[in-house]
Protein backbone atom coordinates (compact mmCIF):
# COMPACT_ATOMS: atom_id res chain seq x y z
CA MET A 1 152.88 19.85 -33.87
CA SER A 2 155.32 22.88 -34.32
CA GLN A 3 156.57 24.93 -37.48
CA GLY A 4 159.22 24.52 -39.76
CA SER A 5 161.41 26.28 -41.81
CA PHE A 6 162.53 24.14 -45.29
CA ILE A 7 164.26 24.27 -48.61
CA LEU A 8 163.30 22.10 -51.59
CA SER A 9 166.29 22.10 -53.92
CA ALA A 10 166.87 20.89 -57.86
CA PHE A 11 170.28 18.86 -57.65
CA ASP A 12 171.80 18.65 -60.76
CA LEU A 13 173.81 15.61 -61.76
CA ASN A 14 175.64 16.48 -63.91
CA LEU A 15 176.93 19.72 -62.67
CA TRP A 16 176.52 17.53 -59.12
CA CYS A 17 175.32 21.24 -57.64
CA SER A 18 172.23 22.33 -56.34
CA ILE A 19 170.61 24.97 -59.20
CA LEU A 20 167.61 25.99 -57.96
CA GLU A 21 166.02 26.49 -54.57
CA THR A 22 163.03 27.66 -52.27
CA ARG A 23 162.34 28.40 -48.60
CA PHE A 24 159.55 27.45 -47.11
CA THR A 25 157.34 27.42 -43.86
CA VAL A 26 155.43 24.59 -42.33
CA ASP A 27 153.27 25.30 -39.88
CA ASP A 28 151.82 21.37 -39.57
CA LEU A 29 154.96 19.25 -39.73
CA GLY A 30 152.45 15.85 -39.60
CA ALA A 31 151.32 17.14 -43.01
CA LEU A 32 154.40 17.03 -44.88
CA GLN A 33 155.38 13.86 -42.85
CA ALA A 34 151.95 12.26 -44.56
CA ILE A 35 152.75 13.74 -47.96
CA ILE A 36 157.03 12.70 -48.33
CA ASP A 37 155.96 8.95 -46.04
CA ALA A 38 158.73 9.96 -44.03
CA ASP A 39 159.18 7.01 -40.91
CA ILE A 40 157.63 10.26 -38.10
CA ASP A 41 159.16 7.64 -35.56
CA ASP A 42 162.34 7.58 -36.88
CA ASP A 43 162.95 11.30 -37.66
CA PRO A 44 160.24 13.16 -36.04
CA ASP A 45 162.12 16.56 -36.36
CA PHE A 46 163.41 16.04 -39.69
CA THR A 47 167.14 15.77 -39.51
CA GLY A 48 167.33 13.75 -42.13
CA CYS A 49 167.28 14.97 -46.51
CA TYR A 50 164.20 13.52 -48.65
CA SER A 51 164.82 12.65 -52.55
CA ILE A 52 160.97 14.08 -53.34
CA ASP A 53 159.74 12.10 -56.48
CA PRO A 54 156.89 14.26 -59.04
CA GLY A 55 153.64 13.21 -56.92
CA GLU A 56 155.06 14.54 -53.64
CA GLN A 57 156.76 17.27 -54.98
CA ASN A 58 152.80 18.46 -56.20
CA GLY A 59 151.90 17.32 -52.92
CA ILE A 60 154.44 19.96 -51.04
CA ASN A 61 153.06 22.62 -53.90
CA GLN A 62 149.86 22.52 -53.62
CA ARG A 63 149.96 22.15 -48.95
CA PHE A 64 152.14 24.96 -48.53
CA ASN A 65 151.40 26.60 -51.86
CA VAL A 66 155.44 26.31 -52.60
CA GLY A 67 154.88 26.97 -56.54
CA PHE A 68 158.57 24.93 -56.68
CA ASP A 69 158.72 24.06 -60.94
CA PRO A 70 161.96 22.69 -61.29
CA ALA A 71 160.63 20.78 -65.08
CA SER A 72 160.85 24.36 -66.41
CA LEU A 73 164.59 24.26 -66.13
CA ASN A 74 164.33 21.02 -69.10
CA LEU A 75 167.66 19.76 -67.85
CA PRO A 76 167.67 16.10 -68.27
CA GLU A 77 169.01 14.87 -65.04
CA ILE A 78 167.83 16.41 -61.90
CA GLU A 79 166.62 15.06 -58.13
CA VAL A 80 164.39 17.06 -55.69
CA TRP A 81 165.61 16.99 -51.98
CA LEU A 82 163.76 18.27 -49.04
CA GLU A 83 165.74 19.38 -46.03
CA ARG A 84 165.15 21.45 -42.93
CA GLU A 85 166.79 24.77 -42.51
CA ARG A 86 169.73 24.09 -39.75
CA LYS A 87 168.68 26.82 -36.99
CA GLY A 88 171.96 29.17 -36.49
CA ARG A 89 175.34 28.70 -38.99
CA SER A 90 173.77 27.56 -42.18
CA LEU A 91 175.77 28.24 -44.98
CA ARG A 92 173.71 29.96 -46.96
CA ASP A 93 173.94 32.75 -44.65
CA VAL A 94 177.71 33.38 -45.42
CA PRO A 95 178.14 36.49 -47.88
CA TYR A 96 179.88 34.54 -49.66
CA LEU A 97 179.17 31.20 -52.30
CA VAL A 98 181.27 28.45 -49.82
CA HIS A 99 182.32 25.55 -52.22
CA THR A 100 180.76 23.24 -50.38
CA ASN A 101 178.48 21.27 -52.72
CA PHE A 102 179.33 23.52 -55.60
CA GLU A 103 182.87 21.82 -55.62
CA LEU A 104 182.36 21.07 -59.46
CA PRO A 105 181.02 23.74 -61.25
CA LEU A 106 183.41 26.20 -59.33
CA MET A 107 186.18 24.23 -60.16
CA LEU A 108 184.97 23.85 -64.28
CA ASP A 109 184.88 27.67 -63.86
CA GLY A 110 188.50 28.25 -62.62
CA ARG A 111 187.35 29.65 -59.07
CA LYS A 112 188.17 26.72 -57.06
CA LYS A 113 191.42 25.46 -57.20
CA LEU A 114 191.27 22.51 -55.53
CA ALA A 115 188.63 20.08 -54.14
CA ARG A 116 189.40 16.91 -51.25
CA PHE A 117 186.60 13.81 -50.77
CA THR A 118 187.28 12.05 -47.90
CA ASP A 119 185.34 8.43 -48.37
CA VAL A 120 183.08 10.03 -51.50
CA HIS A 121 180.60 8.61 -52.56
CA PRO A 122 180.59 6.44 -55.56
CA LYS A 123 178.06 8.87 -57.69
CA THR A 124 180.62 11.90 -56.92
CA GLU A 125 183.75 10.39 -57.67
CA GLU A 126 182.01 9.50 -61.26
CA ALA A 127 180.74 12.98 -61.72
CA PHE A 128 184.58 14.32 -60.85
CA ASP A 129 185.70 11.70 -63.27
CA ARG A 130 184.50 12.68 -66.15
CA TRP A 131 186.36 15.54 -66.00
CA VAL A 132 189.48 13.76 -65.15
CA GLU A 133 189.50 11.76 -68.77
CA LYS A 134 188.37 14.74 -70.35
CA GLY A 135 191.97 16.05 -69.71
CA LEU A 136 190.68 19.48 -67.22
CA PHE A 137 190.97 17.59 -63.25
CA HIS A 138 194.40 15.98 -62.03
CA LYS A 139 193.54 13.43 -59.54
CA GLU A 140 195.37 11.51 -56.70
CA VAL A 141 194.25 8.76 -54.59
CA PHE A 142 195.62 8.50 -50.61
CA LEU A 143 194.61 5.29 -48.31
CA GLU A 144 195.33 6.23 -44.77
CA PRO A 145 195.29 2.94 -42.15
CA ILE A 146 192.72 3.54 -39.25
CA PRO A 147 194.51 3.45 -36.19
CA ALA A 148 193.65 0.47 -34.00
CA SER A 149 192.96 2.85 -31.24
CA LEU A 150 190.07 4.02 -33.82
CA LYS A 151 188.66 1.17 -35.08
CA PRO A 152 186.31 0.36 -31.90
CA TYR A 153 184.77 3.24 -33.16
CA ALA A 154 184.15 3.03 -36.72
CA ILE A 155 180.43 2.17 -37.93
CA ASP A 156 181.29 -0.55 -40.64
CA ALA A 157 183.75 -3.41 -39.08
CA ASP A 158 185.78 -3.64 -42.11
CA HIS A 159 186.42 0.10 -42.93
CA GLY A 160 190.10 -0.08 -42.50
CA ALA A 161 191.33 2.78 -44.21
CA ILE A 162 190.59 5.84 -45.10
CA ARG A 163 190.53 6.94 -48.50
CA ASP A 164 191.24 10.92 -49.06
CA VAL A 165 190.58 11.73 -52.93
CA TYR A 166 191.78 15.08 -54.40
CA TYR A 167 191.12 16.96 -57.51
CA THR A 168 193.12 19.91 -58.82
CA LEU A 169 192.68 21.78 -62.09
CA LYS A 170 195.60 21.37 -64.51
CA GLY A 171 198.53 23.41 -63.16
CA GLU A 172 197.55 23.32 -59.61
CA GLU A 173 198.78 19.86 -59.05
CA TRP A 174 201.45 21.47 -56.51
CA ARG A 175 198.41 22.30 -54.13
CA ILE A 176 197.83 18.31 -53.81
CA PRO A 177 201.13 17.66 -51.62
CA ALA A 178 200.70 21.09 -50.37
CA MET A 179 197.31 20.04 -48.10
CA ASN A 180 198.02 16.35 -47.70
CA LEU A 181 200.90 17.85 -45.51
CA LEU A 182 198.69 20.54 -43.54
CA TRP A 183 196.31 17.70 -42.82
CA LYS A 184 198.97 15.57 -41.23
CA ALA A 185 200.47 18.50 -39.58
CA GLY A 186 197.38 20.01 -37.92
CA VAL A 187 196.87 17.86 -34.91
CA SER A 188 195.58 20.59 -33.51
CA TRP A 189 193.57 22.63 -35.98
CA ASN A 190 193.47 26.23 -35.33
CA GLU A 191 192.87 29.73 -37.70
CA HIS A 192 196.67 29.62 -38.81
CA PHE A 193 195.56 26.29 -40.29
CA GLU A 194 192.00 27.26 -41.32
CA ARG A 195 193.69 29.84 -43.40
CA LEU A 196 196.11 27.93 -45.10
CA GLU A 197 193.56 25.62 -46.28
CA GLY A 198 191.26 28.18 -47.51
CA MET A 199 194.25 29.40 -49.55
CA LEU A 200 194.87 26.13 -50.88
CA PHE A 201 191.08 25.56 -52.00
CA GLY A 202 190.86 29.02 -53.75
CA TYR A 203 189.23 31.33 -51.51
CA GLU A 204 189.46 34.91 -51.50
CA ASP A 205 191.33 36.50 -49.19
CA TRP A 206 187.92 38.67 -47.37
CA GLN A 207 186.79 35.90 -47.98
CA ILE A 208 189.01 33.74 -45.62
CA GLU A 209 189.15 36.51 -43.27
CA TRP A 210 185.23 36.85 -42.76
CA TRP A 211 185.31 32.94 -42.19
CA ILE A 212 188.03 33.34 -39.11
CA ALA A 213 186.11 36.08 -37.43
CA HIS A 214 182.97 35.31 -38.02
CA ARG A 215 184.06 31.67 -36.46
CA ASN A 216 185.26 33.27 -33.75
CA GLU A 217 182.47 35.20 -32.77
CA GLN A 218 180.31 31.99 -32.83
CA SER A 219 182.01 29.59 -31.14
CA GLY A 220 185.45 31.07 -29.84
CA GLY A 221 187.48 29.77 -32.49
CA ILE A 222 188.33 27.33 -35.20
CA GLY A 223 188.73 23.92 -33.88
CA GLY A 224 187.43 21.68 -31.12
CA VAL A 225 184.68 22.30 -28.54
CA PRO A 226 184.13 25.20 -27.00
CA PHE A 227 183.65 25.17 -23.61
CA CYS A 228 182.10 27.83 -20.81
CA CYS A 229 182.30 28.62 -17.42
CA THR A 230 180.91 31.69 -15.04
CA VAL A 231 182.93 34.36 -13.56
CA ASP A 232 181.92 36.21 -10.87
CA SER A 233 182.91 40.45 -10.38
CA GLU A 234 186.75 39.31 -9.26
CA GLY A 235 186.72 36.53 -11.69
CA LEU A 236 186.04 39.34 -14.25
CA LYS A 237 188.42 41.68 -12.94
CA TRP A 238 191.61 39.20 -13.08
CA MET A 239 190.76 38.21 -16.31
CA GLU A 240 190.68 42.29 -17.61
CA LEU A 241 194.09 42.67 -15.96
CA ALA A 242 195.42 39.54 -17.56
CA GLY A 243 193.71 40.89 -21.00
CA PHE A 244 191.08 37.55 -21.37
CA LYS A 245 193.94 35.52 -22.04
CA ALA A 246 193.69 33.15 -18.67
CA LEU A 247 190.62 31.92 -16.27
CA PRO A 248 190.79 33.26 -13.07
CA PRO A 249 192.52 30.94 -10.95
CA LEU A 250 190.49 32.26 -8.23
CA ALA A 251 188.12 29.71 -7.16
CA GLU A 252 186.27 26.33 -8.50
CA ILE A 253 185.04 26.44 -11.70
CA HIS A 254 181.77 24.05 -13.36
CA VAL A 255 182.78 23.91 -17.20
CA HIS A 256 180.07 23.27 -19.42
CA ILE A 257 180.25 22.83 -23.39
CA TYR A 258 178.94 25.55 -24.77
CA ASP A 259 176.37 25.45 -27.87
CA PRO A 260 176.49 28.82 -30.18
CA ASP A 261 172.97 28.16 -31.16
CA GLU A 262 171.49 27.77 -27.67
CA ASP A 263 172.16 31.25 -26.06
CA ILE A 264 169.11 30.53 -24.14
CA ALA A 265 170.68 27.38 -22.36
CA ALA A 266 174.00 29.50 -22.27
CA ALA A 267 172.16 32.36 -20.35
CA ALA A 268 169.87 29.87 -18.58
CA PHE A 269 173.54 28.31 -17.36
CA LEU A 270 174.68 31.74 -15.96
CA ALA A 271 171.13 32.33 -14.18
CA GLU A 272 171.46 29.45 -11.75
CA ASP A 273 174.95 30.94 -10.52
CA GLU A 274 173.49 34.28 -8.47
CA SER A 275 177.15 34.97 -8.31
CA ALA A 276 178.14 35.35 -11.79
CA VAL A 277 178.70 38.29 -14.00
CA ALA A 278 179.34 36.97 -17.45
CA LEU A 279 179.96 33.32 -18.83
CA ALA A 280 183.54 32.60 -19.75
CA ARG A 281 183.99 31.31 -23.21
CA PHE A 282 187.43 29.47 -24.21
CA LYS A 283 188.66 26.54 -26.36
CA LEU A 284 191.47 23.93 -25.66
CA SER A 285 194.19 22.01 -27.45
CA LEU A 286 193.37 18.98 -28.14
CA GLU A 287 195.73 17.51 -25.50
CA MET A 288 193.81 19.24 -22.81
CA GLN A 289 190.43 18.85 -24.43
CA ARG A 290 190.93 15.06 -24.52
CA LYS A 291 192.19 14.97 -20.81
CA LEU A 292 189.06 17.21 -19.57
CA LEU A 293 186.50 15.02 -21.32
CA ASP A 294 188.07 11.82 -20.11
CA GLY A 295 185.14 9.45 -21.16
CA ASN A 296 182.28 12.06 -19.91
CA THR A 297 181.74 13.84 -23.75
CA ARG A 298 178.60 15.10 -21.95
CA GLY A 299 179.71 17.29 -19.04
CA PRO A 300 179.93 19.51 -16.82
CA TRP A 301 183.30 19.41 -14.80
CA GLN A 302 183.84 20.34 -11.89
CA ILE A 303 188.03 22.12 -12.09
CA ASN A 304 189.49 22.84 -8.99
CA ARG A 305 191.61 26.29 -9.54
CA GLU A 306 194.57 24.18 -8.52
CA GLN A 307 193.85 22.59 -12.18
CA ILE A 308 193.51 25.96 -13.70
CA PRO A 309 196.28 27.23 -14.17
CA GLU A 310 197.73 24.06 -16.40
CA ILE A 311 193.76 24.59 -18.71
CA ASN A 312 195.47 28.48 -19.27
CA ARG A 313 198.44 26.70 -20.49
CA HIS A 314 196.38 24.88 -23.25
CA LEU A 315 193.90 27.77 -24.36
CA LYS A 316 193.84 27.98 -27.92
CA ARG A 317 193.08 31.64 -27.90
CA GLN A 318 191.77 35.09 -25.59
CA VAL A 319 188.71 33.73 -23.62
CA ASP A 320 185.66 35.70 -24.81
CA VAL A 321 183.25 37.00 -22.27
CA LEU A 322 179.52 36.34 -22.94
CA PHE A 323 175.98 37.81 -21.41
CA PRO A 324 177.94 40.39 -19.32
CA ARG A 325 175.67 41.79 -16.19
CA SER A 326 175.82 44.11 -13.32
CA ALA A 327 177.27 42.44 -10.36
CA PRO A 328 174.53 40.91 -7.78
């Protein structure tokens, strides 16, 4: 079985965050599966997150020479978790501490001003509520009925409303109505909404700008599904003259979903078109995205040249040119 990179973490139930982590390489997924007794048929690639008991931890330490010892921290309430390291867009690769899963300690330290949870896990809510009772945090809860059109897609048929829970530091209560308004207004989420959201959460300006630039580079922008199509030399010249603000309406195009973690697949898609000299990556408004998908969520989609001007009117930002090569 193939190798994989995994992470063991010690989760503090009082601070409600990971306080100790180690990364290790697994040379045999079957050996790891045997130690933690995971159902390999249900999760052959270890996409889940597994709670690890002391015996399993010892087995991992011995088999893979890990040396993970959370007991040395002498903390009363700790859980140990195992997860496979995700390929590509890991929050651990960001050059600052992302708030996700560190909300509570960052708020207690005053570095995070607001936390927002949707359908929050009861234990998470209990961890934060302790600090509401102590007078350090302010809490508000909003219930939003699920639209009838979305109810058939709900995981639980009895789940009739979305429950949003907000926490702020005392004195920062104004951030809750501001964030609530932002989410209601942000039907077609873009980098301007992302920037405002980051500010309300308490991220520093340089962190927000880094994140937006990173998302633009990785997936072509904030919000929505990234798409791509091949362009020939004539189409590429047309895009250059248009300032990369539109797709060339010169011929029909075949549109695929672009996966930023699958460069090999994207390069193969380019190689299939003998006349192509690059991939054009773009993002669309939610309205146009729904129209394009039209029940086909996997693609590809064939777009006639007469339809391209309409697509161009719904582009969210510039068109990115990927994998440029010399004209055939």
